[in-house]
């Protein structure tokens, strides 16, 4: 697995390292909004920032 960071890059090959990132990705997918609600939320936040 390739991980790009602010100061360089990491190449992870150990199964435990890859599994940790895979688990984090699955959690993010489970919590993520669908495209429509995401767009609405971002528009709402942008409107609040401009007032």
N, C-alpha and C. Protein backbone atom coordinates (compact mmCIF):
# COMPACT_ATOMS: atom_id res chain seq x y z
N UNK A 1 0.84 -1.16 0.00
CA UNK A 1 0.00 0.00 0.00
C UNK A 1 0.89 1.23 0.00
N UNK A 2 0.53 2.21 -0.80
CA UNK A 2 1.26 3.47 -0.90
C UNK A 2 0.49 4.53 -0.12
N UNK A 3 1.17 5.25 0.76
CA UNK A 3 0.57 6.33 1.54
C UNK A 3 1.37 7.59 1.29
N UNK A 4 0.72 8.58 0.72
CA UNK A 4 1.36 9.86 0.46
C UNK A 4 1.15 10.76 1.67
N UNK A 5 2.22 11.39 2.16
CA UNK A 5 2.14 12.27 3.33
C UNK A 5 2.68 13.65 2.98
N UNK A 6 2.57 14.57 3.92
CA UNK A 6 3.07 15.93 3.67
C UNK A 6 4.59 15.97 3.49
N UNK A 7 5.28 15.05 4.13
CA UNK A 7 6.75 15.10 4.09
C UNK A 7 7.39 13.95 3.33
N UNK A 8 6.59 13.14 2.67
CA UNK A 8 7.18 12.02 1.93
C UNK A 8 6.12 10.99 1.62
N UNK A 9 6.56 9.75 1.53
CA UNK A 9 5.65 8.66 1.20
C UNK A 9 6.01 7.43 2.01
N UNK A 10 5.02 6.60 2.22
CA UNK A 10 5.23 5.33 2.91
C UNK A 10 4.77 4.20 2.00
N UNK A 11 5.49 3.11 2.04
CA UNK A 11 5.09 1.90 1.35
C UNK A 11 4.87 0.84 2.42
N UNK A 12 3.62 0.47 2.62
CA UNK A 12 3.28 -0.50 3.65
C UNK A 12 3.04 -1.86 3.01
N UNK A 13 3.67 -2.88 3.55
CA UNK A 13 3.52 -4.21 3.00
C UNK A 13 3.09 -5.23 4.03
N UNK A 14 3.33 -4.95 5.32
CA UNK A 14 2.96 -5.91 6.36
C UNK A 14 1.44 -6.04 6.42
N UNK A 15 0.95 -7.27 6.48
CA UNK A 15 -0.50 -7.46 6.53
C UNK A 15 -1.20 -6.68 7.64
N UNK A 16 -0.57 -6.56 8.79
CA UNK A 16 -1.20 -5.82 9.90
C UNK A 16 -1.31 -4.33 9.58
N UNK A 17 -0.33 -3.77 8.88
CA UNK A 17 -0.37 -2.36 8.50
C UNK A 17 -1.47 -2.12 7.46
N UNK A 18 -1.50 -2.98 6.47
CA UNK A 18 -2.51 -2.85 5.41
C UNK A 18 -3.90 -3.04 6.01
N UNK A 19 -4.06 -3.98 6.92
CA UNK A 19 -5.35 -4.23 7.55
C UNK A 19 -5.83 -3.02 8.34
N UNK A 20 -4.92 -2.32 9.00
CA UNK A 20 -5.31 -1.13 9.77
C UNK A 20 -5.87 -0.06 8.83
N UNK A 21 -5.24 0.16 7.70
CA UNK A 21 -5.73 1.15 6.75
C UNK A 21 -7.03 0.69 6.09
N UNK A 22 -7.14 -0.59 5.82
CA UNK A 22 -8.37 -1.13 5.24
C UNK A 22 -9.54 -0.95 6.21
N UNK A 23 -9.31 -1.19 7.49
CA UNK A 23 -10.36 -1.01 8.49
C UNK A 23 -10.77 0.45 8.59
N UNK A 24 -9.81 1.35 8.59
CA UNK A 24 -10.12 2.78 8.64
C UNK A 24 -10.93 3.20 7.42
N UNK A 25 -10.57 2.69 6.26
CA UNK A 25 -11.29 3.01 5.02
C UNK A 25 -12.73 2.51 5.10
N UNK A 26 -12.92 1.31 5.61
CA UNK A 26 -14.27 0.76 5.75
C UNK A 26 -15.12 1.60 6.70
N UNK A 27 -14.52 2.07 7.79
CA UNK A 27 -15.24 2.92 8.74
C UNK A 27 -15.64 4.24 8.09
N UNK A 28 -14.73 4.83 7.33
CA UNK A 28 -15.05 6.08 6.63
C UNK A 28 -16.18 5.88 5.62
N UNK A 29 -16.14 4.77 4.90
CA UNK A 29 -17.21 4.48 3.94
C UNK A 29 -18.56 4.35 4.63
N UNK A 30 -18.56 3.70 5.79
CA UNK A 30 -19.81 3.49 6.53
C UNK A 30 -20.39 4.81 7.04
N UNK A 31 -19.53 5.77 7.35
CA UNK A 31 -19.98 7.05 7.90
C UNK A 31 -20.25 8.12 6.85
N UNK A 32 -19.75 7.91 5.65
CA UNK A 32 -19.84 8.92 4.61
C UNK A 32 -21.28 9.13 4.14
N UNK A 33 -21.59 10.37 3.83
CA UNK A 33 -22.89 10.68 3.24
C UNK A 33 -22.89 10.30 1.76
N UNK A 34 -24.07 10.13 1.23
CA UNK A 34 -24.22 9.90 -0.21
C UNK A 34 -23.87 11.20 -0.94
N UNK A 35 -23.64 11.15 -2.25
CA UNK A 35 -23.23 12.35 -2.98
C UNK A 35 -24.18 13.54 -2.82
N UNK A 36 -25.48 13.32 -2.90
CA UNK A 36 -26.44 14.42 -2.79
C UNK A 36 -26.38 15.11 -1.44
N UNK A 37 -26.51 14.38 -0.34
CA UNK A 37 -26.40 15.00 0.97
C UNK A 37 -25.03 15.64 1.24
N UNK A 38 -23.98 15.06 0.69
CA UNK A 38 -22.65 15.65 0.84
C UNK A 38 -22.62 17.02 0.18
N UNK A 39 -23.13 17.09 -1.03
CA UNK A 39 -23.17 18.36 -1.76
C UNK A 39 -24.00 19.39 -0.98
N UNK A 40 -25.15 18.98 -0.46
CA UNK A 40 -26.00 19.89 0.30
C UNK A 40 -25.30 20.39 1.56
N UNK A 41 -24.61 19.50 2.25
CA UNK A 41 -23.89 19.87 3.47
C UNK A 41 -22.78 20.86 3.15
N UNK A 42 -22.02 20.60 2.10
CA UNK A 42 -20.94 21.51 1.73
C UNK A 42 -21.48 22.87 1.30
N UNK A 43 -22.59 22.88 0.59
CA UNK A 43 -23.19 24.17 0.20
C UNK A 43 -23.65 24.94 1.43
N UNK A 44 -24.21 24.25 2.40
CA UNK A 44 -24.66 24.88 3.63
C UNK A 44 -23.49 25.48 4.40
N UNK A 45 -22.42 24.73 4.50
CA UNK A 45 -21.23 25.22 5.19
C UNK A 45 -20.64 26.43 4.47
N UNK A 46 -20.59 26.35 3.14
CA UNK A 46 -20.05 27.47 2.36
C UNK A 46 -20.92 28.71 2.55
N UNK A 47 -22.24 28.54 2.58
CA UNK A 47 -23.13 29.68 2.78
C UNK A 47 -22.91 30.31 4.14
N UNK A 48 -22.71 29.48 5.17
CA UNK A 48 -22.45 29.99 6.51
C UNK A 48 -21.14 30.77 6.57
N UNK A 49 -20.15 30.34 5.84
CA UNK A 49 -18.86 31.02 5.83
C UNK A 49 -18.92 32.37 5.14
N UNK A 50 -19.85 32.54 4.24
CA UNK A 50 -19.96 33.79 3.48
C UNK A 50 -20.91 34.80 4.13
N UNK A 51 -21.47 34.46 5.29
CA UNK A 51 -22.38 35.41 5.96
C UNK A 51 -21.70 36.09 7.12
